[in-house]
Amino acid sequence: MDAPVLTAPPNRWEQRFIAANKAVLVVLLALMSVLVILNVITRYAFSYSFTWVEEVTRYMMIWATFLGAGLALRVGGHIAIDTLPNALPAGPARWVRSLIVAVIAASLLAVIWLGIEYAEFGWEQETPVLNWSFGKVYLAIPVGAALMLVHLFFVAPRWIRSGEWERIEGFDPQAL
């Protein structure tokens, strides 16, 4: 068994990046919650429903999903099969994890490229209620993939060396 690898805490730029990513998610989720609760209250108390709330919150959920994917990556929250690297000695395990990081990075670059094309394709289409450009909704794909690539850049060295993700007190992504 390998000795635990001690790593330095995130640098200042990384801390700010994480904080900004989390802040945007908190704002999105708070706004979604407020809008849905208010719409339910007005529907049942006043028999009036804001037709735009469902559409706006749906698109906010899409953005929140893509913006939060990188934060989930940091803690190992995505589905993964790590049987092979865990079964190998330290050197080959690092090589396999490096290969996995390269495949993830290449996949994210492809998602960024295709996401931009998809957003361009949808730019002239409009949403049903608000008549917004669907391209603005689809931009969540390349933006989220780009953020996830940045998160990968920060966590990959530690994961390649030790196979360990960031830890958050009281949170186990494997338990979900």
N, C-alpha and C. Protein backbone atom coordinates (compact mmCIF):
# COMPACT_ATOMS: atom_id res chain seq x y z
N MET A 1 0.85 -1.18 0.00
CA MET A 1 0.00 0.00 0.00
C MET A 1 0.89 1.24 0.00
N ASP A 2 0.52 2.21 -0.82
CA ASP A 2 1.31 3.43 -0.93
C ASP A 2 1.13 4.30 0.30
N ALA A 3 2.18 5.04 0.61
CA ALA A 3 2.08 6.01 1.71
C ALA A 3 1.21 7.17 1.25
N PRO A 4 0.46 7.77 2.16
CA PRO A 4 -0.38 8.90 1.76
C PRO A 4 0.47 10.04 1.21
N VAL A 5 -0.07 10.65 0.17
CA VAL A 5 0.64 11.75 -0.46
C VAL A 5 0.10 13.06 0.09
N LEU A 6 0.98 13.85 0.65
CA LEU A 6 0.57 15.15 1.17
C LEU A 6 0.62 16.15 0.03
N THR A 7 -0.40 16.93 -0.11
CA THR A 7 -0.44 17.94 -1.16
C THR A 7 -0.69 19.30 -0.54
N ALA A 8 -0.22 20.29 -1.23
CA ALA A 8 -0.43 21.66 -0.77
C ALA A 8 -1.89 22.03 -0.94
N PRO A 9 -2.40 22.92 -0.10
CA PRO A 9 -3.77 23.38 -0.28
C PRO A 9 -3.89 24.12 -1.60
N PRO A 10 -5.10 24.26 -2.11
CA PRO A 10 -5.28 24.97 -3.38
C PRO A 10 -4.67 26.37 -3.32
N ASN A 11 -4.07 26.79 -4.43
CA ASN A 11 -3.50 28.14 -4.45
C ASN A 11 -4.62 29.18 -4.47
N ARG A 12 -4.25 30.41 -4.36
CA ARG A 12 -5.23 31.48 -4.23
C ARG A 12 -6.14 31.57 -5.45
N TRP A 13 -5.56 31.43 -6.67
CA TRP A 13 -6.39 31.51 -7.87
C TRP A 13 -7.39 30.36 -7.91
N GLU A 14 -6.92 29.17 -7.54
CA GLU A 14 -7.80 28.01 -7.51
C GLU A 14 -8.91 28.19 -6.47
N GLN A 15 -8.56 28.72 -5.29
CA GLN A 15 -9.57 28.96 -4.26
C GLN A 15 -10.63 29.94 -4.76
N ARG A 16 -10.19 30.99 -5.43
CA ARG A 16 -11.15 31.97 -5.97
C ARG A 16 -12.02 31.36 -7.06
N PHE A 17 -11.41 30.55 -7.89
CA PHE A 17 -12.14 29.87 -8.95
C PHE A 17 -13.23 28.97 -8.37
N ILE A 18 -12.86 28.18 -7.35
CA ILE A 18 -13.82 27.29 -6.69
C ILE A 18 -14.93 28.11 -6.03
N ALA A 19 -14.54 29.17 -5.33
CA ALA A 19 -15.53 30.01 -4.64
C ALA A 19 -16.50 30.65 -5.63
N ALA A 20 -15.99 31.13 -6.75
CA ALA A 20 -16.86 31.75 -7.76
C ALA A 20 -17.81 30.71 -8.35
N ASN A 21 -17.28 29.52 -8.65
CA ASN A 21 -18.12 28.45 -9.19
C ASN A 21 -19.23 28.08 -8.21
N LYS A 22 -18.87 27.94 -6.93
CA LYS A 22 -19.86 27.61 -5.91
C LYS A 22 -20.88 28.74 -5.74
N ALA A 23 -20.41 29.99 -5.78
CA ALA A 23 -21.31 31.13 -5.60
C ALA A 23 -22.35 31.18 -6.71
N VAL A 24 -21.93 30.97 -7.94
CA VAL A 24 -22.88 30.98 -9.06
C VAL A 24 -23.91 29.87 -8.87
N LEU A 25 -23.46 28.70 -8.44
CA LEU A 25 -24.40 27.59 -8.21
C LEU A 25 -25.38 27.91 -7.09
N VAL A 26 -24.88 28.49 -6.02
CA VAL A 26 -25.76 28.85 -4.90
C VAL A 26 -26.82 29.85 -5.35
N VAL A 27 -26.41 30.85 -6.11
CA VAL A 27 -27.36 31.86 -6.61
C VAL A 27 -28.38 31.20 -7.52
N LEU A 28 -27.93 30.37 -8.45
CA LEU A 28 -28.87 29.69 -9.36
C LEU A 28 -29.87 28.84 -8.58
N LEU A 29 -29.38 28.03 -7.64
CA LEU A 29 -30.27 27.15 -6.90
C LEU A 29 -31.21 27.94 -5.98
N ALA A 30 -30.72 29.02 -5.39
CA ALA A 30 -31.58 29.85 -4.54
C ALA A 30 -32.67 30.52 -5.37
N LEU A 31 -32.30 31.07 -6.52
CA LEU A 31 -33.31 31.71 -7.38
C LEU A 31 -34.33 30.69 -7.87
N MET A 32 -33.86 29.51 -8.24
CA MET A 32 -34.79 28.47 -8.68
C MET A 32 -35.78 28.14 -7.56
N SER A 33 -35.26 27.97 -6.38
CA SER A 33 -36.13 27.62 -5.24
C SER A 33 -37.16 28.70 -4.98
N VAL A 34 -36.71 29.95 -4.95
CA VAL A 34 -37.62 31.06 -4.69
C VAL A 34 -38.69 31.14 -5.78
N LEU A 35 -38.27 31.05 -7.03
CA LEU A 35 -39.24 31.15 -8.13
C LEU A 35 -40.27 30.03 -8.08
N VAL A 36 -39.84 28.81 -7.85
CA VAL A 36 -40.78 27.67 -7.81
C VAL A 36 -41.72 27.80 -6.61
N ILE A 37 -41.19 28.15 -5.45
CA ILE A 37 -42.04 28.29 -4.26
C ILE A 37 -43.06 29.40 -4.44
N LEU A 38 -42.60 30.54 -4.96
CA LEU A 38 -43.54 31.65 -5.21
C LEU A 38 -44.61 31.27 -6.22
N ASN A 39 -44.21 30.54 -7.24
CA ASN A 39 -45.19 30.13 -8.25
C ASN A 39 -46.22 29.16 -7.67
N VAL A 40 -45.76 28.26 -6.80
CA VAL A 40 -46.70 27.33 -6.15
C VAL A 40 -47.66 28.10 -5.24
N ILE A 41 -47.12 29.04 -4.49
CA ILE A 41 -47.97 29.83 -3.59
C ILE A 41 -49.01 30.62 -4.38
N THR A 42 -48.58 31.30 -5.43
CA THR A 42 -49.54 32.09 -6.22
C THR A 42 -50.56 31.19 -6.92
N ARG A 43 -50.13 29.99 -7.32
CA ARG A 43 -51.06 29.08 -8.00
C ARG A 43 -52.16 28.61 -7.05
N TYR A 44 -51.78 28.23 -5.83
CA TYR A 44 -52.77 27.68 -4.90
C TYR A 44 -53.48 28.74 -4.07
N ALA A 45 -52.82 29.83 -3.79
CA ALA A 45 -53.45 30.87 -2.98
C ALA A 45 -54.27 31.85 -3.81
N PHE A 46 -53.81 32.12 -5.04
CA PHE A 46 -54.47 33.16 -5.85
C PHE A 46 -54.96 32.64 -7.20
N SER A 47 -54.84 31.34 -7.42
CA SER A 47 -55.25 30.73 -8.70
C SER A 47 -54.61 31.42 -9.89
N TYR A 48 -53.35 31.81 -9.72
CA TYR A 48 -52.61 32.44 -10.80
C TYR A 48 -51.21 31.83 -10.86
N SER A 49 -50.79 31.49 -12.05
CA SER A 49 -49.47 30.90 -12.22
C SER A 49 -48.67 31.72 -13.23
N PHE A 50 -47.42 31.96 -12.91
CA PHE A 50 -46.52 32.64 -13.84
C PHE A 50 -46.04 31.61 -14.86
N THR A 51 -46.43 31.78 -16.10
CA THR A 51 -46.11 30.78 -17.12
C THR A 51 -44.62 30.69 -17.41
N TRP A 52 -43.89 31.74 -17.17
CA TRP A 52 -42.47 31.77 -17.51
C TRP A 52 -41.59 31.08 -16.47
N VAL A 53 -42.11 30.85 -15.25
CA VAL A 53 -41.28 30.30 -14.18
C VAL A 53 -40.79 28.89 -14.51
N GLU A 54 -41.66 28.06 -15.04
CA GLU A 54 -41.25 26.69 -15.35
C GLU A 54 -40.12 26.68 -16.38
N GLU A 55 -40.26 27.51 -17.40
CA GLU A 55 -39.23 27.56 -18.43
C GLU A 55 -37.91 28.09 -17.89
N VAL A 56 -37.96 29.17 -17.15
CA VAL A 56 -36.73 29.78 -16.60
C VAL A 56 -36.04 28.80 -15.66
N THR A 57 -36.79 28.18 -14.77
CA THR A 57 -36.15 27.27 -13.81
C THR A 57 -35.60 26.02 -14.50
N ARG A 58 -36.24 25.58 -15.56
CA ARG A 58 -35.71 24.43 -16.31
C ARG A 58 -34.34 24.78 -16.88
N TYR A 59 -34.22 25.96 -17.46
CA TYR A 59 -32.94 26.37 -18.05
C TYR A 59 -31.89 26.66 -16.97
N MET A 60 -32.36 27.16 -15.84
CA MET A 60 -31.43 27.36 -14.73
C MET A 60 -30.90 26.02 -14.22
N MET A 61 -31.75 25.01 -14.21
CA MET A 61 -31.33 23.67 -13.77
C MET A 61 -30.30 23.10 -14.74
N ILE A 62 -30.50 23.32 -16.03
CA ILE A 62 -29.52 22.86 -17.02
C ILE A 62 -28.17 23.52 -16.77
N TRP A 63 -28.18 24.85 -16.59
CA TRP A 63 -26.94 25.56 -16.33
C TRP A 63 -26.30 25.09 -15.02
N ALA A 64 -27.11 24.90 -13.98
CA ALA A 64 -26.57 24.45 -12.70
C ALA A 64 -25.92 23.07 -12.83
N THR A 65 -26.52 22.21 -13.61
CA THR A 65 -25.97 20.87 -13.81
C THR A 65 -24.59 20.93 -14.45
N PHE A 66 -24.48 21.71 -15.52
CA PHE A 66 -23.20 21.78 -16.22
C PHE A 66 -22.16 22.56 -15.42
N LEU A 67 -22.58 23.59 -14.71
CA LEU A 67 -21.62 24.37 -13.91
C LEU A 67 -21.16 23.60 -12.68
N GLY A 68 -21.97 22.69 -12.19
CA GLY A 68 -21.61 21.92 -11.00
C GLY A 68 -20.82 20.66 -11.29
N ALA A 69 -20.73 20.27 -12.56
CA ALA A 69 -20.04 19.02 -12.91
C ALA A 69 -18.57 19.05 -12.51
N GLY A 70 -17.93 20.19 -12.66
CA GLY A 70 -16.52 20.31 -12.29
C GLY A 70 -16.30 20.18 -10.79
N LEU A 71 -17.21 20.75 -10.01
CA LEU A 71 -17.10 20.62 -8.56
C LEU A 71 -17.29 19.16 -8.13
N ALA A 72 -18.19 18.46 -8.82
CA ALA A 72 -18.38 17.03 -8.52
C ALA A 72 -17.13 16.24 -8.88
N LEU A 73 -16.48 16.63 -9.97
CA LEU A 73 -15.24 15.96 -10.38
C LEU A 73 -14.17 16.08 -9.31
N ARG A 74 -14.07 17.23 -8.68
CA ARG A 74 -13.03 17.49 -7.68
C ARG A 74 -13.07 16.48 -6.53
N VAL A 75 -14.26 16.01 -6.19
CA VAL A 75 -14.40 15.10 -5.05
C VAL A 75 -14.63 13.65 -5.48
N GLY A 76 -14.47 13.38 -6.77
CA GLY A 76 -14.67 12.02 -7.27
C GLY A 76 -16.14 11.64 -7.32
N GLY A 77 -16.99 12.63 -7.59
CA GLY A 77 -18.43 12.40 -7.57
C GLY A 77 -19.03 11.83 -8.84
N HIS A 78 -18.23 11.64 -9.87
CA HIS A 78 -18.74 11.05 -11.11
C HIS A 78 -18.54 9.55 -11.08
N ILE A 79 -19.33 8.85 -11.85
CA ILE A 79 -19.22 7.40 -11.91
C ILE A 79 -17.84 7.03 -12.45
N ALA A 80 -17.19 6.10 -11.78
CA ALA A 80 -15.85 5.67 -12.20
C ALA A 80 -15.64 4.22 -11.80
N ILE A 81 -14.86 3.55 -12.59
CA ILE A 81 -14.44 2.19 -12.26
C ILE A 81 -12.94 2.27 -12.02
N ASP A 82 -12.54 2.06 -10.79
CA ASP A 82 -11.13 2.22 -10.45
C ASP A 82 -10.49 0.90 -10.03
N THR A 83 -11.08 -0.20 -10.44
CA THR A 83 -10.57 -1.51 -10.07
C THR A 83 -9.16 -1.73 -10.60
N LEU A 84 -8.92 -1.41 -11.88
CA LEU A 84 -7.61 -1.65 -12.47
C LEU A 84 -6.51 -0.82 -11.80
N PRO A 85 -6.66 0.52 -11.71
CA PRO A 85 -5.58 1.26 -11.05
C PRO A 85 -5.35 0.83 -9.60
N ASN A 86 -6.42 0.47 -8.90
CA ASN A 86 -6.27 0.06 -7.50
C ASN A 86 -5.59 -1.30 -7.36
N ALA A 87 -5.67 -2.12 -8.40
CA ALA A 87 -5.07 -3.45 -8.35
C ALA A 87 -3.60 -3.44 -8.76
N LEU A 88 -3.13 -2.34 -9.34
CA LEU A 88 -1.77 -2.28 -9.86
C LEU A 88 -0.79 -1.73 -8.82
N PRO A 89 0.49 -2.02 -8.99
CA PRO A 89 1.51 -1.35 -8.15
C PRO A 89 1.50 0.15 -8.44
N ALA A 90 2.16 0.91 -7.59
CA ALA A 90 2.10 2.37 -7.65
C ALA A 90 2.47 2.95 -9.02
N GLY A 91 3.58 2.52 -9.60
CA GLY A 91 4.03 3.08 -10.88
C GLY A 91 3.04 2.86 -12.01
N PRO A 92 2.67 1.61 -12.29
CA PRO A 92 1.68 1.38 -13.35
C PRO A 92 0.33 2.03 -13.06
N ALA A 93 -0.05 2.10 -11.79
CA ALA A 93 -1.33 2.74 -11.43
C ALA A 93 -1.30 4.22 -11.81
N ARG A 94 -0.17 4.88 -11.56
CA ARG A 94 -0.04 6.29 -11.95
C ARG A 94 -0.13 6.44 -13.46
N TRP A 95 0.47 5.51 -14.19
CA TRP A 95 0.42 5.56 -15.65
C TRP A 95 -1.03 5.41 -16.14
N VAL A 96 -1.76 4.46 -15.56
CA VAL A 96 -3.17 4.26 -15.95
C VAL A 96 -4.00 5.50 -15.61
N ARG A 97 -3.79 6.08 -14.43
CA ARG A 97 -4.53 7.29 -14.06
C ARG A 97 -4.17 8.45 -14.98
N SER A 98 -2.91 8.54 -15.40
CA SER A 98 -2.52 9.58 -16.37
C SER A 98 -3.26 9.39 -17.69
N LEU A 99 -3.36 8.16 -18.11
CA LEU A 99 -4.08 7.86 -19.35
C LEU A 99 -5.56 8.22 -19.21
N ILE A 100 -6.13 7.93 -18.06
CA ILE A 100 -7.54 8.27 -17.80
C ILE A 100 -7.73 9.78 -17.85
N VAL A 101 -6.83 10.54 -17.23
CA VAL A 101 -6.92 12.00 -17.26
C VAL A 101 -6.83 12.51 -18.69
N ALA A 102 -5.93 11.92 -19.48
CA ALA A 102 -5.81 12.34 -20.88
C ALA A 102 -7.09 12.08 -21.66
N VAL A 103 -7.71 10.93 -21.41
CA VAL A 103 -8.97 10.61 -22.09
C VAL A 103 -10.08 11.56 -21.66
N ILE A 104 -10.14 11.85 -20.37
CA ILE A 104 -11.15 12.80 -19.86
C ILE A 104 -10.93 14.18 -20.47
N ALA A 105 -9.69 14.64 -20.50
CA ALA A 105 -9.38 15.96 -21.06
C ALA A 105 -9.75 16.01 -22.54
N ALA A 106 -9.40 14.96 -23.29
CA ALA A 106 -9.75 14.92 -24.72
C ALA A 106 -11.26 14.92 -24.91
N SER A 107 -11.95 14.17 -24.06
CA SER A 107 -13.42 14.13 -24.14
C SER A 107 -14.02 15.49 -23.85
N LEU A 108 -13.49 16.17 -22.83
CA LEU A 108 -14.00 17.50 -22.50
C LEU A 108 -13.72 18.50 -23.61
N LEU A 109 -12.56 18.41 -24.25
CA LEU A 109 -12.27 19.28 -25.39
C LEU A 109 -13.26 19.03 -26.53
N ALA A 110 -13.59 17.75 -26.76
CA ALA A 110 -14.58 17.43 -27.78
C ALA A 110 -15.96 17.98 -27.41
N VAL A 111 -16.31 17.88 -26.14
CA VAL A 111 -17.62 18.42 -25.69
C VAL A 111 -17.64 19.94 -25.85
N ILE A 112 -16.53 20.60 -25.55
CA ILE A 112 -16.47 22.05 -25.73
C ILE A 112 -16.70 22.38 -27.21
N TRP A 113 -15.96 21.72 -28.07
CA TRP A 113 -16.07 21.97 -29.52
C TRP A 113 -17.50 21.71 -30.01
N LEU A 114 -18.04 20.54 -29.70
CA LEU A 114 -19.38 20.18 -30.15
C LEU A 114 -20.44 21.04 -29.47
N GLY A 115 -20.21 21.42 -28.23
CA GLY A 115 -21.16 22.28 -27.52
C GLY A 115 -21.26 23.65 -28.15
N ILE A 116 -20.12 24.17 -28.60
CA ILE A 116 -20.13 25.46 -29.29
C ILE A 116 -20.92 25.34 -30.60
N GLU A 117 -20.68 24.27 -31.33
CA GLU A 117 -21.42 24.05 -32.58
C GLU A 117 -22.92 23.91 -32.30
N TYR A 118 -23.26 23.21 -31.25
CA TYR A 118 -24.67 23.01 -30.89
C TYR A 118 -25.32 24.34 -30.50
N ALA A 119 -24.60 25.16 -29.74
CA ALA A 119 -25.13 26.46 -29.34
C ALA A 119 -25.33 27.35 -30.58
N GLU A 120 -24.37 27.30 -31.50
CA GLU A 120 -24.51 28.07 -32.74
C GLU A 120 -25.72 27.59 -33.53
N PHE A 121 -25.91 26.27 -33.59
CA PHE A 121 -27.06 25.69 -34.30
C PHE A 121 -28.38 26.18 -33.70
N GLY A 122 -28.43 26.26 -32.37
CA GLY A 122 -29.69 26.65 -31.71
C GLY A 122 -29.87 28.14 -31.54
N TRP A 123 -28.91 28.93 -31.98
CA TRP A 123 -28.96 30.37 -31.71
C TRP A 123 -30.19 31.04 -32.33
N GLU A 124 -30.64 30.60 -33.48
CA GLU A 124 -31.79 31.23 -34.16
C GLU A 124 -33.12 30.65 -33.70
N GLN A 125 -33.09 29.56 -32.92
CA GLN A 125 -34.33 28.97 -32.41
C GLN A 125 -34.70 29.67 -31.12
N GLU A 126 -36.00 29.80 -30.88
CA GLU A 126 -36.46 30.51 -29.68
C GLU A 126 -37.20 29.59 -28.73
N THR A 127 -37.08 29.89 -27.45
CA THR A 127 -37.79 29.13 -26.44
C THR A 127 -39.28 29.44 -26.56
N PRO A 128 -40.15 28.52 -26.16
CA PRO A 128 -41.59 28.69 -26.40
C PRO A 128 -42.25 29.86 -25.67
N VAL A 129 -41.90 30.10 -24.43
CA VAL A 129 -42.60 31.11 -23.65
C VAL A 129 -41.90 32.47 -23.69
N LEU A 130 -40.61 32.47 -23.44
CA LEU A 130 -39.88 33.74 -23.31
C LEU A 130 -39.25 34.22 -24.62
N ASN A 131 -39.26 33.37 -25.64
CA ASN A 131 -38.66 33.71 -26.93
C ASN A 131 -37.18 34.05 -26.79
N TRP A 132 -36.50 33.37 -25.88
CA TRP A 132 -35.06 33.51 -25.76
C TRP A 132 -34.40 32.61 -26.79
N SER A 133 -33.17 32.90 -27.12
CA SER A 133 -32.41 32.05 -28.02
C SER A 133 -32.05 30.76 -27.30
N PHE A 134 -32.34 29.63 -27.94
CA PHE A 134 -31.93 28.35 -27.36
C PHE A 134 -30.41 28.25 -27.27
N GLY A 135 -29.71 29.02 -28.11
CA GLY A 135 -28.26 29.02 -28.06
C GLY A 135 -27.74 29.42 -26.69
N LYS A 136 -28.46 30.32 -26.02
CA LYS A 136 -28.05 30.75 -24.67
C LYS A 136 -28.18 29.60 -23.68
N VAL A 137 -29.18 28.77 -23.87
CA VAL A 137 -29.35 27.60 -23.01
C VAL A 137 -28.26 26.58 -23.32
N TYR A 138 -28.02 26.35 -24.61
CA TYR A 138 -27.04 25.35 -25.03
C TYR A 138 -25.60 25.76 -24.71
N LEU A 139 -25.36 27.04 -24.47
CA LEU A 139 -24.01 27.47 -24.08
C LEU A 139 -23.57 26.85 -22.77
N ALA A 140 -24.53 26.35 -22.00
CA ALA A 140 -24.18 25.66 -20.75
C ALA A 140 -23.27 24.48 -21.02
N ILE A 141 -23.40 23.86 -22.18
CA ILE A 141 -22.60 22.67 -22.50
C ILE A 141 -21.11 23.03 -22.61
N PRO A 142 -20.73 23.94 -23.53
CA PRO A 142 -19.29 24.23 -23.62
C PRO A 142 -18.74 24.97 -22.40
N VAL A 143 -19.54 25.83 -21.80
CA VAL A 143 -19.06 26.55 -20.62
C VAL A 143 -18.83 25.57 -19.47
N GLY A 144 -19.78 24.68 -19.24
CA GLY A 144 -19.62 23.69 -18.18
C GLY A 144 -18.46 22.75 -18.44
N ALA A 145 -18.28 22.33 -19.70
CA ALA A 145 -17.15 21.45 -20.03
C ALA A 145 -15.82 22.17 -19.84
N ALA A 146 -15.77 23.45 -20.20
CA ALA A 146 -14.54 24.22 -20.02
C ALA A 146 -14.21 24.37 -18.53
N LEU A 147 -15.22 24.65 -17.71
CA LEU A 147 -15.00 24.74 -16.27
C LEU A 147 -14.54 23.40 -15.71
N MET A 148 -15.14 22.33 -16.19
CA MET A 148 -14.75 21.00 -15.72
C MET A 148 -13.30 20.70 -16.12
N LEU A 149 -12.88 21.16 -17.29
CA LEU A 149 -11.50 20.97 -17.72
C LEU A 149 -10.53 21.72 -16.80
N VAL A 150 -10.92 22.91 -16.38
CA VAL A 150 -10.08 23.67 -15.44
C VAL A 150 -10.01 22.94 -14.10
N HIS A 151 -11.15 22.45 -13.62
CA HIS A 151 -11.13 21.68 -12.37
C HIS A 151 -10.24 20.45 -12.51
N LEU A 152 -10.34 19.77 -13.66
CA LEU A 152 -9.50 18.60 -13.91
C LEU A 152 -8.02 18.98 -13.86
N PHE A 153 -7.68 20.10 -14.46
CA PHE A 153 -6.31 20.58 -14.46
C PHE A 153 -5.79 20.73 -13.02
N PHE A 154 -6.63 21.21 -12.13
CA PHE A 154 -6.21 21.42 -10.75
C PHE A 154 -6.11 20.12 -9.94
N VAL A 155 -7.05 19.19 -10.15
CA VAL A 155 -7.08 17.99 -9.30
C VAL A 155 -6.30 16.82 -9.88
N ALA A 156 -6.00 16.85 -11.17
CA ALA A 156 -5.35 15.70 -11.81
C ALA A 156 -4.00 15.34 -11.19
N PRO A 157 -3.10 16.30 -10.91
CA PRO A 157 -1.80 15.89 -10.36
C PRO A 157 -1.92 15.06 -9.08
N ARG A 158 -2.78 15.49 -8.20
CA ARG A 158 -2.96 14.75 -6.94
C ARG A 158 -3.56 13.37 -7.22
N TRP A 159 -4.57 13.34 -8.08
CA TRP A 159 -5.24 12.07 -8.35
C TRP A 159 -4.28 11.11 -9.06
N ILE A 160 -3.49 11.61 -9.98
CA ILE A 160 -2.54 10.75 -10.68
C ILE A 160 -1.53 10.17 -9.69
N ARG A 161 -1.01 11.01 -8.79
CA ARG A 161 -0.01 10.55 -7.82
C ARG A 161 -0.57 9.55 -6.82
N SER A 162 -1.76 9.85 -6.27
CA SER A 162 -2.22 9.07 -5.13
C SER A 162 -3.55 8.34 -5.34
N GLY A 163 -4.28 8.70 -6.38
CA GLY A 163 -5.60 8.10 -6.56
C GLY A 163 -6.64 8.70 -5.63
N GLU A 164 -6.28 9.79 -4.97
CA GLU A 164 -7.17 10.44 -4.00
C GLU A 164 -7.78 11.71 -4.58
N TRP A 165 -9.06 11.91 -4.29
CA TRP A 165 -9.75 13.15 -4.67
C TRP A 165 -9.76 14.08 -3.48
N GLU A 166 -10.25 15.27 -3.68
CA GLU A 166 -10.41 16.20 -2.55
C GLU A 166 -11.42 15.61 -1.58
N ARG A 167 -11.25 15.95 -0.34
CA ARG A 167 -12.18 15.48 0.69
C ARG A 167 -12.92 16.68 1.28
N ILE A 168 -14.20 16.48 1.50
CA ILE A 168 -15.02 17.48 2.15
C ILE A 168 -15.56 16.84 3.42
N GLU A 169 -15.33 17.49 4.53
CA GLU A 169 -15.75 16.97 5.83
C GLU A 169 -17.24 16.62 5.82
N GLY A 170 -17.54 15.37 6.16
CA GLY A 170 -18.93 14.94 6.27
C GLY A 170 -19.60 14.60 4.95
N PHE A 171 -18.83 14.58 3.84
CA PHE A 171 -19.42 14.29 2.53
C PHE A 171 -18.68 13.16 1.89
N ASP A 172 -19.42 12.13 1.50
CA ASP A 172 -18.84 10.99 0.80
C ASP A 172 -19.55 10.81 -0.51
N PRO A 173 -18.93 11.23 -1.64
CA PRO A 173 -19.61 11.12 -2.93
C PRO A 173 -19.90 9.68 -3.33
N GLN A 174 -19.14 8.73 -2.79
CA GLN A 174 -19.35 7.33 -3.11
C GLN A 174 -20.62 6.79 -2.45
N ALA A 175 -21.11 7.47 -1.44
CA ALA A 175 -22.29 7.01 -0.71
C ALA A 175 -23.59 7.40 -1.43
N LEU A 176 -23.49 8.24 -2.44
CA LEU A 176 -24.71 8.71 -3.12
C LEU A 176 -25.30 7.69 -4.02
